[in-house]
Each structure stands twice: as C-alpha cells, then as structure tokens.
Amino acid sequence: MNYNTVRTERQQDFTFWSTDFMDSNSSTVVVTGFGPFRQYLVNSSWEAVKELSKRGLGSNIDLRIMQLPVAYRKAKEQVFKIWTTLQPLLAVHVGLSSAAKGLIILEQCGKNKGYQEMDACGFLPEGACCVLDGPEKIESTINMKTLWKSVSVEGTDIIFSRDAGRYICDYTYYASLYYGNGRAAFIHVPPLSPSVTADFLGKALQSIILEMLKQCGEETE
C-alpha cells in the first residue's frame, strides 16, 4: 500500500442514532483494548483487558470484552455495534500510550477534530474529524478528577488528562461518548515491561472500573 496517498472514510455511511435507550437498567459493562500497531506487536491494552476478564467486576456485572483494530473506520463501526446491540451501562476503552512511562492516565473527554495521522490501514477520517457537524468535544459522565482522587494502584501513579492524543484512542473515545450519550470512559496504560505486566494492569483496571461503577450507582458483589 502506498502510504503517501491519503485515503478518507465516508462518514455518511454511518447513521447516528438517538441514545435515549441509555436510560435502561443495563448490567453490562463493555471493556475494549486495541490490537497490534507499529512496533507493539503485543498491545498492553488488550493484554490488560484479557487479564481483567479473568478477574471480573463482580457477580452482578455482565463483563464483555472486545479487541478493536487500530483503524479509524473499523474501530468506529465496532463502537457503534457496542452501543446499538449490547446497550451497556458503561463502555470503558483502554489504549496504549508509549509516552505514559509507567503511568496510568484517566481521560476526561474526547475531541472531534484534528485527526491528521493515518491509521494502520493508511486511512484518514473525512474532514480530519470523527463526526461531521458533531460537537467539538464530549465529556464523560464519569468524573475522572474525582476518580483520580479516590482510586490508588500500588506500584504506579495515576494521572488525570483532558487530551487523549488525536489518534485512534481519542477518535474511538469520542465516537463512544457520542453514541453512548457520554457513558464511556478511556484509560491509557503504558507498554508492557518487567515491572508493568499484563496481570498488574488487569488488576489496576479492575480497581479503577469498580470505582467508575460506584459513580454509575452500581455496587458490585
């Protein structure tokens, strides 16, 4: 494939549905990670999500996991399916940040515009944005600053962020916030290393998401 050729997705292929159904009393929580990209043939986000699935989120939470591709259009299609078929209480997306340097980052909002870096398939989103005529940014209903203050993970620091990076992570987050009426969250995790193992990240995700569920009014058993 010639990566010097900029290709675009056609946003009109997507129908943006109303998300009034999100008021339902769902007990489903969807957690996603990303597949391989660039030099990261093993993506820490997906490895962490798989470890989380072994631990679960309590007997009253129906945890579903899914791997998303590092591709604008395909990731967006999967996010759309999550919200229109599973209709979860909450969707939590986990992505790898090479700049995290051992940190776990809680992202408060998704941004609509500024996507100028091609994905793994050589595509750019049309208009360099996620949703044509969508709002500039969408805030999560989860208060990440409150979460940051209330949760702790032994062995690493957690920080709060309002900029998810304008690549597939940010794009996916915005799409999920858009389709899910704000009931989505994004967590950036560092690459795997001898001190940051998949098991360690899975345990961290469990602690963080359980705190998110408290904000949703869901007490786990």
Protein backbone atom coordinates (compact mmCIF):
# COMPACT_ATOMS: atom_id res chain seq x y z
CA MET A 1 0.00 0.00 0.00
CA ASN A 2 1.25 3.47 -0.84
CA TYR A 3 1.10 5.34 2.46
CA ASN A 4 1.83 8.61 0.69
CA THR A 5 -1.69 8.51 -0.66
CA VAL A 6 -4.19 9.96 1.77
CA ARG A 7 -7.41 7.99 1.83
CA THR A 8 -10.56 9.06 3.64
CA GLU A 9 -13.55 7.32 5.14
CA ARG A 10 -17.05 8.41 4.20
CA GLN A 11 -18.85 9.45 7.32
CA GLN A 12 -22.22 9.33 5.59
CA ASP A 13 -22.03 5.54 5.74
CA PHE A 14 -22.91 5.84 9.41
CA THR A 15 -26.37 6.65 10.73
CA PHE A 16 -26.21 8.43 14.07
CA TRP A 17 -28.93 7.06 16.28
CA SER A 18 -30.52 8.65 19.30
CA THR A 19 -29.22 7.16 22.56
CA ASP A 20 -32.27 7.71 24.71
CA PHE A 21 -32.25 3.97 25.42
CA MET A 22 -29.17 4.55 27.59
CA ASP A 23 -31.51 5.23 30.49
CA SER A 24 -32.15 1.46 30.67
CA ASN A 25 -31.05 -0.53 33.73
CA SER A 26 -28.32 -2.49 31.94
CA SER A 27 -25.84 -4.53 33.97
CA THR A 28 -23.49 -4.94 31.00
CA VAL A 29 -20.08 -3.31 31.01
CA VAL A 30 -18.00 -3.49 27.83
CA VAL A 31 -14.23 -3.09 28.07
CA THR A 32 -12.11 -2.85 24.93
CA GLY A 33 -8.41 -2.92 24.12
CA PHE A 34 -6.56 -2.44 20.85
CA GLY A 35 -4.74 -4.88 18.60
CA PRO A 36 -1.13 -4.67 17.38
CA PHE A 37 0.23 -1.48 15.86
CA ARG A 38 3.64 -0.11 14.88
CA GLN A 39 6.35 -1.78 16.96
CA TYR A 40 3.87 -3.02 19.54
CA LEU A 41 3.08 -6.49 18.25
CA VAL A 42 1.70 -7.24 21.70
CA ASN A 43 -0.53 -4.38 22.75
CA SER A 44 -0.58 -3.86 26.52
CA SER A 45 -4.14 -2.52 26.41
CA TRP A 46 -5.57 -5.78 25.08
CA GLU A 47 -3.38 -7.91 27.35
CA ALA A 48 -4.66 -5.90 30.32
CA VAL A 49 -8.27 -6.31 29.24
CA LYS A 50 -7.85 -10.07 28.91
CA GLU A 51 -6.46 -10.21 32.44
CA LEU A 52 -9.39 -8.12 33.67
CA SER A 53 -11.80 -10.63 32.15
CA LYS A 54 -10.28 -13.35 34.35
CA ARG A 55 -10.89 -11.24 37.45
CA GLY A 56 -14.33 -9.90 36.56
CA LEU A 57 -16.22 -6.99 38.04
CA GLY A 58 -18.48 -8.78 40.47
CA SER A 59 -21.29 -11.29 40.12
CA ASN A 60 -23.91 -8.68 39.23
CA ILE A 61 -21.93 -7.19 36.31
CA ASP A 62 -22.01 -8.82 32.89
CA LEU A 63 -18.48 -8.04 31.66
CA ARG A 64 -17.89 -8.22 27.90
CA ILE A 65 -14.51 -7.62 26.29
CA MET A 66 -13.60 -6.79 22.71
CA GLN A 67 -10.44 -6.10 20.75
CA LEU A 68 -10.60 -3.07 18.47
CA PRO A 69 -8.39 -2.60 15.40
CA VAL A 70 -6.03 0.38 15.15
CA ALA A 71 -8.09 1.75 12.27
CA TYR A 72 -10.47 4.73 12.37
CA ARG A 73 -13.36 3.33 10.39
CA LYS A 74 -13.30 -0.23 11.71
CA ALA A 75 -12.94 0.88 15.33
CA LYS A 76 -15.86 3.26 14.88
CA GLU A 77 -18.03 0.50 13.41
CA GLN A 78 -17.30 -1.74 16.39
CA VAL A 79 -18.09 1.04 18.86
CA PHE A 80 -21.37 1.69 17.05
CA LYS A 81 -22.27 -2.01 17.38
CA ILE A 82 -21.45 -1.97 21.09
CA TRP A 83 -23.94 0.77 21.78
CA THR A 84 -26.70 -0.36 19.43
CA THR A 85 -26.61 -4.08 20.24
CA LEU A 86 -25.26 -4.52 23.77
CA GLN A 87 -26.57 -1.19 25.10
CA PRO A 88 -24.20 -1.27 28.09
CA LEU A 89 -24.34 0.60 31.35
CA LEU A 90 -20.79 1.75 30.60
CA ALA A 91 -18.14 1.23 27.92
CA VAL A 92 -14.52 1.51 29.02
CA HIS A 93 -11.88 1.76 26.33
CA VAL A 94 -8.24 1.01 27.12
CA GLY A 95 -5.38 2.16 24.91
CA LEU A 96 -1.61 2.03 24.93
CA SER A 97 0.35 5.24 25.43
CA SER A 98 4.06 4.94 24.68
CA ALA A 99 4.55 8.27 26.45
CA ALA A 100 2.90 7.09 29.68
CA LYS A 101 6.24 5.91 31.13
CA GLY A 102 4.71 3.65 33.75
CA LEU A 103 1.71 5.90 34.39
CA ILE A 104 -1.99 5.10 34.07
CA ILE A 105 -3.90 8.02 32.56
CA LEU A 106 -7.61 8.73 33.05
CA GLU A 107 -9.00 10.66 30.07
CA GLN A 108 -11.93 13.02 30.75
CA CYS A 109 -13.10 13.90 27.23
CA GLY A 110 -12.92 13.03 23.56
CA LYS A 111 -12.19 15.54 20.80
CA ASN A 112 -13.93 15.62 17.43
CA LYS A 113 -11.36 17.30 15.17
CA GLY A 114 -7.66 17.28 14.38
CA TYR A 115 -7.13 13.69 13.21
CA GLN A 116 -4.30 14.09 10.71
CA GLU A 117 -2.28 10.92 11.30
CA MET A 118 -3.03 7.91 9.11
CA ASP A 119 -4.12 4.70 10.78
CA ALA A 120 -2.61 1.24 10.30
CA CYS A 121 -4.57 0.88 7.03
CA GLY A 122 -3.40 4.20 5.61
CA PHE A 123 -6.75 5.96 6.12
CA LEU A 124 -7.60 9.39 7.46
CA PRO A 125 -11.10 10.29 8.66
CA GLU A 126 -13.03 12.61 6.36
CA GLY A 127 -12.56 16.24 7.34
CA ALA A 128 -9.99 15.11 9.94
CA CYS A 129 -12.89 14.66 12.35
CA CYS A 130 -14.88 11.86 13.94
CA VAL A 131 -18.46 13.08 13.46
CA LEU A 132 -19.25 15.67 10.81
CA ASP A 133 -21.13 18.53 12.50
CA GLY A 134 -20.59 16.93 15.90
CA PRO A 135 -19.68 18.98 18.99
CA GLU A 136 -16.03 19.95 19.39
CA LYS A 137 -15.65 17.74 22.46
CA ILE A 138 -17.76 15.44 24.61
CA GLU A 139 -17.21 14.94 28.33
CA SER A 140 -17.57 11.58 30.01
CA THR A 141 -20.31 11.24 32.62
CA ILE A 142 -17.58 9.70 34.78
CA ASN A 143 -15.83 12.43 36.73
CA MET A 144 -12.22 11.45 36.14
CA LYS A 145 -10.82 14.02 38.55
CA THR A 146 -12.94 12.59 41.37
CA LEU A 147 -11.90 9.11 40.30
CA TRP A 148 -8.25 10.13 40.23
CA LYS A 149 -8.53 11.34 43.82
CA SER A 150 -10.38 8.28 45.08
CA VAL A 151 -8.54 5.36 43.48
CA SER A 152 -5.00 4.17 44.03
CA VAL A 153 -2.98 1.37 42.48
CA GLU A 154 0.06 0.12 44.33
CA GLY A 155 3.16 0.22 42.16
CA THR A 156 2.18 3.02 39.77
CA ASP A 157 0.89 6.57 39.64
CA ILE A 158 -2.45 7.57 38.14
CA ILE A 159 -2.90 10.94 36.47
CA PHE A 160 -5.83 12.90 35.04
CA SER A 161 -5.87 14.18 31.45
CA ARG A 162 -8.10 16.19 29.13
CA ASP A 163 -6.26 15.35 25.90
CA ALA A 164 -6.35 11.75 24.64
CA GLY A 165 -3.97 12.46 21.76
CA ARG A 166 -5.85 12.92 18.44
CA TYR A 167 -5.22 9.41 17.14
CA ILE A 168 -7.24 6.17 17.23
CA CYS A 169 -7.63 6.30 21.03
CA ASP A 170 -9.12 9.80 21.06
CA TYR A 171 -11.20 9.06 17.96
CA THR A 172 -12.63 5.88 19.48
CA TYR A 173 -13.36 7.63 22.74
CA TYR A 174 -15.22 10.46 21.04
CA ALA A 175 -17.27 8.01 18.97
CA SER A 176 -18.21 6.04 22.07
CA LEU A 177 -19.13 9.18 24.01
CA TYR A 178 -21.23 10.28 21.03
CA TYR A 179 -23.09 7.01 20.57
CA GLY A 180 -23.32 6.32 24.30
CA ASN A 181 -24.55 9.73 25.40
CA GLY A 182 -21.42 10.28 27.50
CA ARG A 183 -21.47 6.86 29.22
CA ALA A 184 -17.97 5.91 28.19
CA ALA A 185 -14.52 6.17 29.71
CA PHE A 186 -10.96 5.91 28.43
CA ILE A 187 -7.86 4.68 30.23
CA HIS A 188 -4.35 4.92 28.81
CA VAL A 189 -1.88 2.30 30.02
CA PRO A 190 1.89 2.05 29.49
CA PRO A 191 3.62 -0.60 27.37
CA LEU A 192 4.40 -3.94 28.98
CA SER A 193 7.72 -4.22 30.79
CA PRO A 194 9.25 -6.35 33.55
CA SER A 195 7.67 -4.04 36.13
CA VAL A 196 4.40 -3.45 34.23
CA THR A 197 2.95 -6.87 33.48
CA ALA A 198 -0.41 -7.76 31.97
CA ASP A 199 -1.51 -9.18 35.32
CA PHE A 200 -0.57 -5.94 37.06
CA LEU A 201 -2.52 -3.86 34.53
CA GLY A 202 -5.53 -6.18 34.73
CA LYS A 203 -5.66 -5.74 38.49
CA ALA A 204 -5.34 -1.96 38.07
CA LEU A 205 -8.20 -1.88 35.56
CA GLN A 206 -10.40 -3.84 37.94
CA SER A 207 -9.82 -1.34 40.77
CA ILE A 208 -10.39 1.67 38.51
CA ILE A 209 -13.53 0.37 36.80
CA LEU A 210 -15.09 -0.69 40.10
CA GLU A 211 -14.72 2.93 41.23
CA MET A 212 -16.32 4.07 37.97
CA LEU A 213 -19.29 1.80 38.67
CA LYS A 214 -19.75 3.45 42.04
CA GLN A 215 -20.24 6.74 40.18
CA CYS A 216 -22.81 4.95 38.00
CA GLY A 217 -24.65 3.87 41.13
CA GLU A 218 -23.73 0.20 40.68
CA GLU A 219 -22.48 -1.59 43.77
CA THR A 220 -20.76 -4.86 42.89
CA GLU A 221 -20.91 -8.08 44.87
